[in-house]
Every structure is written in C-alpha cells, then in structure tokens.
Amino acid sequence: MKNNIRDLRAEKQLTQGDLAEAVGVSRQTINAIEKEKFDPSLPTAFRIARLFGRTIEEVFRYEEV
C-alpha cells in the first residue's frame, strides 16, 4: 500500500518517534509503514489519518501489482 506519511510528518515537523507515540505504535512500525514494507491495521490507519486531519484515502493508496 502506498502512502505519503513521510511528507505529512515533515509538514508537521514530527519525527517517526513523535508519530509513533501519538498513534500508539513503535517507531519501527512507522518506519516500516513509510517504507511500504508493512500495512497498518485499520485502527492504526484511522489514527494516522485523523492526526493529520486527512481521510484514509488521502494518506493511503492501494495499487494493484
């Protein structure tokens, strides 16, 4: 799943650790999501989107391979 979390974090001047703490996951989880090596659970995706004031669709994009 594609995402633009890194860009959204930069806009808000958040570190991966800051974002992880705010949504209740580890920094390693945020890193893996940003690198598109791990897809977040639906609750985590909602928390990330809500934190940035965006819809899930604005943060995450599903692309068929």
PDB file of N, CA and C in Angstrom:
ATOM      1  N   MET A   1       0.843  -1.172   0.000  1.00  0.00           N
ATOM      2  CA  MET A   1       0.000   0.000   0.000  1.00  0.00           C
ATOM      3  C   MET A   1       0.894   1.242   0.000  1.00  0.00           C
ATOM      4  N   LYS A   2       0.626   2.134  -0.903  1.00  0.00           N
ATOM      5  CA  LYS A   2       1.388   3.390  -0.994  1.00  0.00           C
ATOM      6  C   LYS A   2       0.872   4.370   0.063  1.00  0.00           C
ATOM      7  N   ASN A   3       1.744   5.285   0.486  1.00  0.00           N
ATOM      8  CA  ASN A   3       1.315   6.304   1.451  1.00  0.00           C
ATOM      9  C   ASN A   3       2.210   7.532   1.340  1.00  0.00           C
ATOM     10  N   ASN A   4       1.747   8.615   1.925  1.00  0.00           N
ATOM     11  CA  ASN A   4       2.540   9.851   1.929  1.00  0.00           C
ATOM     12  C   ASN A   4       2.799  10.324   3.356  1.00  0.00           C
ATOM     13  N   ILE A   5       2.992   9.374   4.249  1.00  0.00           N
ATOM     14  CA  ILE A   5       3.194   9.699   5.664  1.00  0.00           C
ATOM     15  C   ILE A   5       4.459  10.521   5.872  1.00  0.00           C
ATOM     16  N   ARG A   6       5.525  10.187   5.178  1.00  0.00           N
ATOM     17  CA  ARG A   6       6.781  10.932   5.364  1.00  0.00           C
ATOM     18  C   ARG A   6       6.576  12.420   5.060  1.00  0.00           C
ATOM     19  N   ASP A   7       5.877  12.719   3.973  1.00  0.00           N
ATOM     20  CA  ASP A   7       5.625  14.121   3.613  1.00  0.00           C
ATOM     21  C   ASP A   7       4.730  14.804   4.643  1.00  0.00           C
ATOM     22  N   LEU A   8       3.704  14.090   5.102  1.00  0.00           N
ATOM     23  CA  LEU A   8       2.800  14.666   6.104  1.00  0.00           C
ATOM     24  C   LEU A   8       3.527  14.913   7.419  1.00  0.00           C
ATOM     25  N   ARG A   9       4.417  13.999   7.781  1.00  0.00           N
ATOM     26  CA  ARG A   9       5.209  14.188   9.008  1.00  0.00           C
ATOM     27  C   ARG A   9       6.086  15.420   8.891  1.00  0.00           C
ATOM     28  N   ALA A  10       6.704  15.585   7.721  1.00  0.00           N
ATOM     29  CA  ALA A  10       7.597  16.730   7.507  1.00  0.00           C
ATOM     30  C   ALA A  10       6.828  18.044   7.624  1.00  0.00           C
ATOM     31  N   GLU A  11       5.612  18.079   7.081  1.00  0.00           N
ATOM     32  CA  GLU A  11       4.787  19.291   7.174  1.00  0.00           C
ATOM     33  C   GLU A  11       4.521  19.683   8.623  1.00  0.00           C
ATOM     34  N   LYS A  12       4.324  18.685   9.479  1.00  0.00           N
ATOM     35  CA  LYS A  12       4.027  18.954  10.891  1.00  0.00           C
ATOM     36  C   LYS A  12       5.268  18.920  11.766  1.00  0.00           C
ATOM     37  N   GLN A  13       6.439  18.723  11.133  1.00  0.00           N
ATOM     38  CA  GLN A  13       7.718  18.662  11.833  1.00  0.00           C
ATOM     39  C   GLN A  13       7.698  17.611  12.941  1.00  0.00           C
ATOM     40  N   LEU A  14       7.208  16.424  12.599  1.00  0.00           N
ATOM     41  CA  LEU A  14       7.180  15.307  13.535  1.00  0.00           C
ATOM     42  C   LEU A  14       8.253  14.291  13.169  1.00  0.00           C
ATOM     43  N   THR A  15       8.871  13.702  14.165  1.00  0.00           N
ATOM     44  CA  THR A  15       9.781  12.587  13.925  1.00  0.00           C
ATOM     45  C   THR A  15       8.955  11.310  13.846  1.00  0.00           C
ATOM     46  N   GLN A  16       9.588  10.247  13.394  1.00  0.00           N
ATOM     47  CA  GLN A  16       8.903   8.962  13.409  1.00  0.00           C
ATOM     48  C   GLN A  16       8.503   8.599  14.837  1.00  0.00           C
ATOM     49  N   GLY A  17       9.354   8.906  15.780  1.00  0.00           N
ATOM     50  CA  GLY A  17       9.058   8.633  17.184  1.00  0.00           C
ATOM     51  C   GLY A  17       7.864   9.420  17.685  1.00  0.00           C
ATOM     52  N   ASP A  18       7.785  10.692  17.295  1.00  0.00           N
ATOM     53  CA  ASP A  18       6.637  11.523  17.690  1.00  0.00           C
ATOM     54  C   ASP A  18       5.340  10.932  17.160  1.00  0.00           C
ATOM     55  N   LEU A  19       5.342  10.552  15.879  1.00  0.00           N
ATOM     56  CA  LEU A  19       4.143   9.988  15.267  1.00  0.00           C
ATOM     57  C   LEU A  19       3.790   8.657  15.921  1.00  0.00           C
ATOM     58  N   ALA A  20       4.791   7.828  16.147  1.00  0.00           N
ATOM     59  CA  ALA A  20       4.557   6.530  16.777  1.00  0.00           C
ATOM     60  C   ALA A  20       3.897   6.694  18.141  1.00  0.00           C
ATOM     61  N   GLU A  21       4.409   7.596  18.932  1.00  0.00           N
ATOM     62  CA  GLU A  21       3.844   7.832  20.262  1.00  0.00           C
ATOM     63  C   GLU A  21       2.408   8.332  20.163  1.00  0.00           C
ATOM     64  N   ALA A  22       2.150   9.210  19.223  1.00  0.00           N
ATOM     65  CA  ALA A  22       0.811   9.794  19.079  1.00  0.00           C
ATOM     66  C   ALA A  22      -0.232   8.761  18.655  1.00  0.00           C
ATOM     67  N   VAL A  23       0.174   7.758  17.882  1.00  0.00           N
ATOM     68  CA  VAL A  23      -0.803   6.767  17.408  1.00  0.00           C
ATOM     69  C   VAL A  23      -0.698   5.435  18.138  1.00  0.00           C
ATOM     70  N   GLY A  24       0.256   5.302  19.060  1.00  0.00           N
ATOM     71  CA  GLY A  24       0.329   4.112  19.900  1.00  0.00           C
ATOM     72  C   GLY A  24       0.997   2.902  19.275  1.00  0.00           C
ATOM     73  N   VAL A  25       2.021   3.152  18.445  1.00  0.00           N
ATOM     74  CA  VAL A  25       2.808   2.060  17.866  1.00  0.00           C
ATOM     75  C   VAL A  25       4.285   2.376  18.070  1.00  0.00           C
ATOM     76  N   SER A  26       5.150   1.460  17.656  1.00  0.00           N
ATOM     77  CA  SER A  26       6.588   1.697  17.796  1.00  0.00           C
ATOM     78  C   SER A  26       7.114   2.544  16.633  1.00  0.00           C
ATOM     79  N   ARG A  27       8.274   3.150  16.843  1.00  0.00           N
ATOM     80  CA  ARG A  27       8.919   3.916  15.779  1.00  0.00           C
ATOM     81  C   ARG A  27       9.251   3.000  14.613  1.00  0.00           C
ATOM     82  N   GLN A  28       9.631   1.759  14.912  1.00  0.00           N
ATOM     83  CA  GLN A  28       9.952   0.796  13.868  1.00  0.00           C
ATOM     84  C   GLN A  28       8.731   0.500  12.992  1.00  0.00           C
ATOM     85  N   THR A  29       7.554   0.488  13.603  1.00  0.00           N
ATOM     86  CA  THR A  29       6.324   0.271  12.845  1.00  0.00           C
ATOM     87  C   THR A  29       6.093   1.420  11.875  1.00  0.00           C
ATOM     88  N   ILE A  30       6.261   2.648  12.345  1.00  0.00           N
ATOM     89  CA  ILE A  30       6.099   3.818  11.465  1.00  0.00           C
ATOM     90  C   ILE A  30       7.109   3.748  10.328  1.00  0.00           C
ATOM     91  N   ASN A  31       8.343   3.386  10.638  1.00  0.00           N
ATOM     92  CA  ASN A  31       9.374   3.265   9.606  1.00  0.00           C
ATOM     93  C   ASN A  31       8.968   2.234   8.557  1.00  0.00           C
ATOM     94  N   ALA A  32       8.482   1.087   8.994  1.00  0.00           N
ATOM     95  CA  ALA A  32       8.079   0.035   8.056  1.00  0.00           C
ATOM     96  C   ALA A  32       6.874   0.457   7.210  1.00  0.00           C
ATOM     97  N   ILE A  33       5.934   1.180   7.811  1.00  0.00           N
ATOM     98  CA  ILE A  33       4.779   1.673   7.057  1.00  0.00           C
ATOM     99  C   ILE A  33       5.241   2.680   6.006  1.00  0.00           C
ATOM    100  N   GLU A  34       6.098   3.616   6.403  1.00  0.00           N
ATOM    101  CA  GLU A  34       6.595   4.624   5.459  1.00  0.00           C
ATOM    102  C   GLU A  34       7.334   3.993   4.290  1.00  0.00           C
ATOM    103  N   LYS A  35       8.090   2.939   4.566  1.00  0.00           N
ATOM    104  CA  LYS A  35       8.859   2.266   3.510  1.00  0.00           C
ATOM    105  C   LYS A  35       8.018   1.260   2.740  1.00  0.00           C
ATOM    106  N   GLU A  36       6.716   1.211   3.075  1.00  0.00           N
ATOM    107  CA  GLU A  36       5.752   0.337   2.400  1.00  0.00           C
ATOM    108  C   GLU A  36       6.125  -1.138   2.519  1.00  0.00           C
ATOM    109  N   LYS A  37       6.754  -1.486   3.658  1.00  0.00           N
ATOM    110  CA  LYS A  37       7.083  -2.875   3.951  1.00  0.00           C
ATOM    111  C   LYS A  37       6.043  -3.504   4.874  1.00  0.00           C
ATOM    112  N   PHE A  38       5.135  -2.684   5.395  1.00  0.00           N
ATOM    113  CA  PHE A  38       4.133  -3.151   6.349  1.00  0.00           C
ATOM    114  C   PHE A  38       2.880  -2.309   6.171  1.00  0.00           C
ATOM    115  N   ASP A  39       1.728  -2.975   6.102  1.00  0.00           N
ATOM    116  CA  ASP A  39       0.452  -2.258   6.018  1.00  0.00           C
ATOM    117  C   ASP A  39      -0.131  -2.148   7.414  1.00  0.00           C
ATOM    118  N   PRO A  40      -0.531  -0.949   7.818  1.00  0.00           N
ATOM    119  CA  PRO A  40      -1.059  -0.770   9.173  1.00  0.00           C
ATOM    120  C   PRO A  40      -2.429  -1.430   9.322  1.00  0.00           C
ATOM    121  N   SER A  41      -2.773  -1.720  10.564  1.00  0.00           N
ATOM    122  CA  SER A  41      -4.133  -2.183  10.843  1.00  0.00           C
ATOM    123  C   SER A  41      -5.088  -1.032  10.548  1.00  0.00           C
ATOM    124  N   LEU A  42      -6.342  -1.352  10.368  1.00  0.00           N
ATOM    125  CA  LEU A  42      -7.332  -0.311  10.084  1.00  0.00           C
ATOM    126  C   LEU A  42      -7.414   0.716  11.216  1.00  0.00           C
ATOM    127  N   PRO A  43      -7.447   0.299  12.489  1.00  0.00           N
ATOM    128  CA  PRO A  43      -7.463   1.307  13.559  1.00  0.00           C
ATOM    129  C   PRO A  43      -6.232   2.225  13.529  1.00  0.00           C
ATOM    130  N   THR A  44      -5.066   1.655  13.247  1.00  0.00           N
ATOM    131  CA  THR A  44      -3.850   2.482  13.175  1.00  0.00           C
ATOM    132  C   THR A  44      -3.918   3.439  11.997  1.00  0.00           C
ATOM    133  N   ALA A  45      -4.407   2.964  10.865  1.00  0.00           N
ATOM    134  CA  ALA A  45      -4.552   3.833   9.693  1.00  0.00           C
ATOM    135  C   ALA A  45      -5.498   4.988  10.000  1.00  0.00           C
ATOM    136  N   PHE A  46      -6.604   4.707  10.685  1.00  0.00           N
ATOM    137  CA  PHE A  46      -7.540   5.774  11.062  1.00  0.00           C
ATOM    138  C   PHE A  46      -6.874   6.775  12.009  1.00  0.00           C
ATOM    139  N   ARG A  47      -6.103   6.281  12.980  1.00  0.00           N
ATOM    140  CA  ARG A  47      -5.442   7.200  13.922  1.00  0.00           C
ATOM    141  C   ARG A  47      -4.430   8.087  13.200  1.00  0.00           C
ATOM    142  N   ILE A  48      -3.675   7.511  12.265  1.00  0.00           N
ATOM    143  CA  ILE A  48      -2.693   8.295  11.499  1.00  0.00           C
ATOM    144  C   ILE A  48      -3.412   9.365  10.678  1.00  0.00           C
ATOM    145  N   ALA A  49      -4.439   8.964   9.961  1.00  0.00           N
ATOM    146  CA  ALA A  49      -5.179   9.920   9.128  1.00  0.00           C
ATOM    147  C   ALA A  49      -5.787  11.026   9.981  1.00  0.00           C
ATOM    148  N   ARG A  50      -6.381  10.660  11.104  1.00  0.00           N
ATOM    149  CA  ARG A  50      -7.014  11.643  11.990  1.00  0.00           C
ATOM    150  C   ARG A  50      -5.984  12.639  12.519  1.00  0.00           C
ATOM    151  N   LEU A  51      -4.804  12.134  12.881  1.00  0.00           N
ATOM    152  CA  LEU A  51      -3.751  13.005  13.406  1.00  0.00           C
ATOM    153  C   LEU A  51      -3.374  14.081  12.392  1.00  0.00           C
ATOM    154  N   PHE A  52      -3.373  13.723  11.108  1.00  0.00           N
ATOM    155  CA  PHE A  52      -3.016  14.676  10.059  1.00  0.00           C
ATOM    156  C   PHE A  52      -4.215  15.437   9.512  1.00  0.00           C
ATOM    157  N   GLY A  53      -5.401  15.164  10.051  1.00  0.00           N
ATOM    158  CA  GLY A  53      -6.596  15.868   9.584  1.00  0.00           C
ATOM    159  C   GLY A  53      -6.966  15.497   8.161  1.00  0.00           C
ATOM    160  N   ARG A  54      -6.699  14.249   7.786  1.00  0.00           N
ATOM    161  CA  ARG A  54      -6.956  13.767   6.429  1.00  0.00           C
ATOM    162  C   ARG A  54      -7.851  12.537   6.478  1.00  0.00           C
ATOM    163  N   THR A  55      -8.387  12.174   5.333  1.00  0.00           N
ATOM    164  CA  THR A  55      -9.102  10.909   5.225  1.00  0.00           C
ATOM    165  C   THR A  55      -8.072   9.801   4.992  1.00  0.00           C
ATOM    166  N   ILE A  56      -8.474   8.579   5.233  1.00  0.00           N
ATOM    167  CA  ILE A  56      -7.572   7.454   4.975  1.00  0.00           C
ATOM    168  C   ILE A  56      -7.139   7.456   3.507  1.00  0.00           C
ATOM    169  N   GLU A  57      -8.080   7.765   2.613  1.00  0.00           N
ATOM    170  CA  GLU A  57      -7.762   7.767   1.191  1.00  0.00           C
ATOM    171  C   GLU A  57      -6.741   8.836   0.814  1.00  0.00           C
ATOM    172  N   GLU A  58      -6.677   9.903   1.595  1.00  0.00           N
ATOM    173  CA  GLU A  58      -5.685  10.947   1.328  1.00  0.00           C
ATOM    174  C   GLU A  58      -4.295  10.550   1.820  1.00  0.00           C
ATOM    175  N   VAL A  59      -4.228   9.592   2.738  1.00  0.00           N
ATOM    176  CA  VAL A  59      -2.949   9.159   3.298  1.00  0.00           C
ATOM    177  C   VAL A  59      -2.454   7.869   2.643  1.00  0.00           C
ATOM    178  N   PHE A  60      -3.377   6.939   2.408  1.00  0.00           N
ATOM    179  CA  PHE A  60      -3.019   5.627   1.883  1.00  0.00           C
ATOM    180  C   PHE A  60      -3.681   5.387   0.533  1.00  0.00           C
ATOM    181  N   ARG A  61      -2.934   4.751  -0.377  1.00  0.00           N
ATOM    182  CA  ARG A  61      -3.464   4.405  -1.700  1.00  0.00           C
ATOM    183  C   ARG A  61      -3.140   2.948  -1.981  1.00  0.00           C
ATOM    184  N   TYR A  62      -4.163   2.197  -2.362  1.00  0.00           N
ATOM    185  CA  TYR A  62      -3.958   0.806  -2.754  1.00  0.00           C
ATOM    186  C   TYR A  62      -3.700   0.753  -4.249  1.00  0.00           C
ATOM    187  N   GLU A  63      -2.608   0.103  -4.601  1.00  0.00           N
ATOM    188  CA  GLU A  63      -2.281  -0.048  -6.022  1.00  0.00           C
ATOM    189  C   GLU A  63      -2.040  -1.519  -6.298  1.00  0.00           C
ATOM    190  N   GLU A  64      -2.772  -2.035  -7.289  1.00  0.00           N
ATOM    191  CA  GLU A  64      -2.599  -3.436  -7.670  1.00  0.00           C
ATOM    192  C   GLU A  64      -1.241  -3.611  -8.323  1.00  0.00           C
ATOM    193  N   VAL A  65      -0.631  -4.721  -8.039  1.00  0.00           N
ATOM    194  CA  VAL A  65       0.706  -5.009  -8.596  1.00  0.00           C
ATOM    195  C   VAL A  65       0.578  -5.836  -9.823  1.00  0.00           C
TER     196      VAL A  65
END
